[in-house]
């Protein structure tokens, strides 16, 4: 396994921990952002480690998943949430990028859903890289 792929996976795991911590602290917008980052980095780890490609310069999780779906199977309910989680890259951090005040507008439900998707993707990516 390429060391670089494992670096991306470990950073995905670190972001997953950050997302969980922010959820526990009630910072739902930043929890959503870190969940997005965990998914993005896990998908890029698969791209590097199994697809043997350089990741594109995008944060769009649907585009990234389309590049690796032959190497990483995700359940339909997880795949269907990727577009929602993908939007959190911008909307969770910038005023008026969808919400006037993200720090006040994101809900616990959104953060929990994003964290569950991230957990699932990171775990599956880890298993795929270990097997690959």
C-alpha atoms as a PDB file:
ATOM      1  CA  UNK A   1       0.000   0.000   0.000  1.00  0.00           C
ATOM      2  CA  UNK A   2       1.310   3.418  -0.862  1.00  0.00           C
ATOM      3  CA  UNK A   3       2.221   5.354   2.244  1.00  0.00           C
ATOM      4  CA  UNK A   4       0.484   8.432   0.851  1.00  0.00           C
ATOM      5  CA  UNK A   5      -2.860   6.593   0.757  1.00  0.00           C
ATOM      6  CA  UNK A   6      -2.454   5.637   4.405  1.00  0.00           C
ATOM      7  CA  UNK A   7      -1.648   9.258   5.272  1.00  0.00           C
ATOM      8  CA  UNK A   8      -4.931  10.355   3.653  1.00  0.00           C
ATOM      9  CA  UNK A   9      -6.813   7.637   5.542  1.00  0.00           C
ATOM     10  CA  UNK A  10      -5.288   8.636   8.884  1.00  0.00           C
ATOM     11  CA  UNK A  11      -6.217  12.262   8.256  1.00  0.00           C
ATOM     12  CA  UNK A  12      -9.767  11.113   7.443  1.00  0.00           C
ATOM     13  CA  UNK A  13      -9.849   9.332  10.795  1.00  0.00           C
ATOM     14  CA  UNK A  14      -8.547  12.463  12.551  1.00  0.00           C
ATOM     15  CA  UNK A  15     -11.296  14.543  10.931  1.00  0.00           C
ATOM     16  CA  UNK A  16     -13.862  11.954  11.969  1.00  0.00           C
ATOM     17  CA  UNK A  17     -12.718  12.368  15.581  1.00  0.00           C
ATOM     18  CA  UNK A  18     -12.953  16.158  15.214  1.00  0.00           C
ATOM     19  CA  UNK A  19     -16.474  15.873  13.794  1.00  0.00           C
ATOM     20  CA  UNK A  20     -17.533  13.718  16.753  1.00  0.00           C
ATOM     21  CA  UNK A  21     -15.954  16.129  19.238  1.00  0.00           C
ATOM     22  CA  UNK A  22     -17.642  19.165  17.668  1.00  0.00           C
ATOM     23  CA  UNK A  23     -20.983  17.348  17.701  1.00  0.00           C
ATOM     24  CA  UNK A  24     -20.551  16.645  21.415  1.00  0.00           C
ATOM     25  CA  UNK A  25     -19.677  20.310  22.006  1.00  0.00           C
ATOM     26  CA  UNK A  26     -22.732  21.490  20.083  1.00  0.00           C
ATOM     27  CA  UNK A  27     -20.808  23.105  17.207  1.00  0.00           C
ATOM     28  CA  UNK A  28     -22.944  21.480  14.537  1.00  0.00           C
ATOM     29  CA  UNK A  29     -21.727  23.527  11.564  1.00  0.00           C
ATOM     30  CA  UNK A  30     -18.089  22.640  12.160  1.00  0.00           C
ATOM     31  CA  UNK A  31     -19.025  19.037  12.899  1.00  0.00           C
ATOM     32  CA  UNK A  32     -20.645  18.918   9.449  1.00  0.00           C
ATOM     33  CA  UNK A  33     -17.526  20.438   7.894  1.00  0.00           C
ATOM     34  CA  UNK A  34     -15.224  17.878   9.516  1.00  0.00           C
ATOM     35  CA  UNK A  35     -17.554  15.056   8.482  1.00  0.00           C
ATOM     36  CA  UNK A  36     -17.273  16.320   4.907  1.00  0.00           C
ATOM     37  CA  UNK A  37     -13.500  16.408   5.226  1.00  0.00           C
ATOM     38  CA  UNK A  38     -13.389  12.857   6.581  1.00  0.00           C
ATOM     39  CA  UNK A  39     -15.383  11.570   3.605  1.00  0.00           C
ATOM     40  CA  UNK A  40     -13.306  13.550   1.110  1.00  0.00           C
ATOM     41  CA  UNK A  41     -10.001  12.318   2.511  1.00  0.00           C
ATOM     42  CA  UNK A  42     -11.184   8.703   2.724  1.00  0.00           C
ATOM     43  CA  UNK A  43     -12.268   8.796  -0.925  1.00  0.00           C
ATOM     44  CA  UNK A  44      -8.966  10.352  -1.943  1.00  0.00           C
ATOM     45  CA  UNK A  45      -7.132   7.623  -0.004  1.00  0.00           C
ATOM     46  CA  UNK A  46      -8.963   5.016  -2.104  1.00  0.00           C
ATOM     47  CA  UNK A  47      -8.177   6.947  -5.259  1.00  0.00           C
ATOM     48  CA  UNK A  48      -4.466   6.999  -4.451  1.00  0.00           C
ATOM     49  CA  UNK A  49      -4.173   3.542  -2.930  1.00  0.00           C
ATOM     50  CA  UNK A  50      -6.443   1.404  -5.090  1.00  0.00           C
ATOM     51  CA  UNK A  51      -7.391   3.346  -8.225  1.00  0.00           C
ATOM     52  CA  UNK A  52      -3.777   4.528  -8.526  1.00  0.00           C
ATOM     53  CA  UNK A  53      -4.822   8.035  -9.590  1.00  0.00           C
ATOM     54  CA  UNK A  54      -3.988  11.504  -8.426  1.00  0.00           C
ATOM     55  CA  UNK A  55      -7.080  12.992  -6.799  1.00  0.00           C
ATOM     56  CA  UNK A  56      -8.673  15.857  -8.699  1.00  0.00           C
ATOM     57  CA  UNK A  57      -8.761  19.288  -7.096  1.00  0.00           C
ATOM     58  CA  UNK A  58     -12.394  19.081  -6.081  1.00  0.00           C
ATOM     59  CA  UNK A  59     -14.341  18.849  -2.860  1.00  0.00           C
ATOM     60  CA  UNK A  60     -17.439  17.433  -4.575  1.00  0.00           C
ATOM     61  CA  UNK A  61     -18.014  14.076  -2.904  1.00  0.00           C
ATOM     62  CA  UNK A  62     -20.210  12.785  -5.724  1.00  0.00           C
ATOM     63  CA  UNK A  63     -17.422  13.400  -8.255  1.00  0.00           C
ATOM     64  CA  UNK A  64     -14.852  11.778  -5.976  1.00  0.00           C
ATOM     65  CA  UNK A  65     -17.039   8.751  -5.350  1.00  0.00           C
ATOM     66  CA  UNK A  66     -17.672   8.310  -9.084  1.00  0.00           C
ATOM     67  CA  UNK A  67     -13.895   7.945  -9.476  1.00  0.00           C
ATOM     68  CA  UNK A  68     -13.626   5.117  -6.925  1.00  0.00           C
ATOM     69  CA  UNK A  69     -16.962   3.310  -6.843  1.00  0.00           C
ATOM     70  CA  UNK A  70     -15.382   0.290  -8.524  1.00  0.00           C
ATOM     71  CA  UNK A  71     -13.023   0.006  -5.548  1.00  0.00           C
ATOM     72  CA  UNK A  72     -15.345   1.049  -2.728  1.00  0.00           C
ATOM     73  CA  UNK A  73     -18.926  -0.108  -2.526  1.00  0.00           C
ATOM     74  CA  UNK A  74     -21.187   2.048  -0.396  1.00  0.00           C
ATOM     75  CA  UNK A  75     -24.788   1.267   0.516  1.00  0.00           C
ATOM     76  CA  UNK A  76     -27.417   3.226  -1.375  1.00  0.00           C
ATOM     77  CA  UNK A  77     -28.489   5.177   1.713  1.00  0.00           C
ATOM     78  CA  UNK A  78     -24.908   6.450   2.130  1.00  0.00           C
ATOM     79  CA  UNK A  79     -24.455   7.239  -1.573  1.00  0.00           C
ATOM     80  CA  UNK A  80     -27.723   9.192  -1.583  1.00  0.00           C
ATOM     81  CA  UNK A  81     -26.450  11.478   1.193  1.00  0.00           C
ATOM     82  CA  UNK A  82     -23.156  12.361  -0.513  1.00  0.00           C
ATOM     83  CA  UNK A  83     -24.627  15.405  -2.352  1.00  0.00           C
ATOM     84  CA  UNK A  84     -25.980  16.772   0.942  1.00  0.00           C
ATOM     85  CA  UNK A  85     -22.696  16.255   2.789  1.00  0.00           C
ATOM     86  CA  UNK A  86     -20.788  17.701  -0.176  1.00  0.00           C
ATOM     87  CA  UNK A  87     -22.516  21.065   0.277  1.00  0.00           C
ATOM     88  CA  UNK A  88     -21.168  21.352   3.817  1.00  0.00           C
ATOM     89  CA  UNK A  89     -17.688  22.154   2.511  1.00  0.00           C
ATOM     90  CA  UNK A  90     -18.806  25.757   1.925  1.00  0.00           C
ATOM     91  CA  UNK A  91     -22.174  26.241   3.617  1.00  0.00           C
ATOM     92  CA  UNK A  92     -20.960  25.190   7.058  1.00  0.00           C
ATOM     93  CA  UNK A  93     -18.282  27.886   7.162  1.00  0.00           C
ATOM     94  CA  UNK A  94     -19.245  30.966   5.201  1.00  0.00           C
ATOM     95  CA  UNK A  95     -22.019  33.455   5.974  1.00  0.00           C
ATOM     96  CA  UNK A  96     -24.523  33.787   3.155  1.00  0.00           C
ATOM     97  CA  UNK A  97     -23.211  30.742   1.291  1.00  0.00           C
ATOM     98  CA  UNK A  98     -26.642  29.249   1.762  1.00  0.00           C
ATOM     99  CA  UNK A  99     -27.277  30.221   5.355  1.00  0.00           C
ATOM    100  CA  UNK A 100     -26.856  33.659   6.819  1.00  0.00           C
ATOM    101  CA  UNK A 101     -25.141  32.406   9.997  1.00  0.00           C
ATOM    102  CA  UNK A 102     -23.983  28.789   9.723  1.00  0.00           C
ATOM    103  CA  UNK A 103     -22.822  28.711  13.335  1.00  0.00           C
ATOM    104  CA  UNK A 104     -26.419  29.278  14.409  1.00  0.00           C
ATOM    105  CA  UNK A 105     -28.266  27.480  11.618  1.00  0.00           C
ATOM    106  CA  UNK A 106     -26.980  23.915  11.463  1.00  0.00           C
ATOM    107  CA  UNK A 107     -28.868  21.337  13.503  1.00  0.00           C
ATOM    108  CA  UNK A 108     -27.836  18.410  15.620  1.00  0.00           C
ATOM    109  CA  UNK A 109     -29.745  16.147  13.212  1.00  0.00           C
ATOM    110  CA  UNK A 110     -27.657  17.356  10.271  1.00  0.00           C
ATOM    111  CA  UNK A 111     -24.434  16.866  12.210  1.00  0.00           C
ATOM    112  CA  UNK A 112     -25.442  13.371  13.357  1.00  0.00           C
ATOM    113  CA  UNK A 113     -26.416  12.349   9.823  1.00  0.00           C
ATOM    114  CA  UNK A 114     -23.165  13.721   8.369  1.00  0.00           C
ATOM    115  CA  UNK A 115     -21.126  12.000  11.064  1.00  0.00           C
ATOM    116  CA  UNK A 116     -22.826   8.668  10.398  1.00  0.00           C
ATOM    117  CA  UNK A 117     -22.074   8.942   6.669  1.00  0.00           C
ATOM    118  CA  UNK A 118     -18.471   9.892   7.410  1.00  0.00           C
ATOM    119  CA  UNK A 119     -18.049   7.029   9.863  1.00  0.00           C
ATOM    120  CA  UNK A 120     -19.389   4.583   7.318  1.00  0.00           C
ATOM    121  CA  UNK A 121     -17.182   5.829   4.468  1.00  0.00           C
ATOM    122  CA  UNK A 122     -14.017   5.969   6.589  1.00  0.00           C
ATOM    123  CA  UNK A 123     -14.569   2.453   7.954  1.00  0.00           C
ATOM    124  CA  UNK A 124     -15.261   1.041   4.496  1.00  0.00           C
ATOM    125  CA  UNK A 125     -12.238   2.823   3.041  1.00  0.00           C
ATOM    126  CA  UNK A 126     -10.028   1.424   5.793  1.00  0.00           C
ATOM    127  CA  UNK A 127     -11.255  -2.078   5.087  1.00  0.00           C
ATOM    128  CA  UNK A 128     -10.802  -1.706   1.343  1.00  0.00           C
ATOM    129  CA  UNK A 129      -7.266  -0.382   1.727  1.00  0.00           C
ATOM    130  CA  UNK A 130      -6.352  -3.154   4.175  1.00  0.00           C
ATOM    131  CA  UNK A 131      -7.664  -5.791   1.753  1.00  0.00           C
ATOM    132  CA  UNK A 132      -6.247  -4.110  -1.340  1.00  0.00           C
END
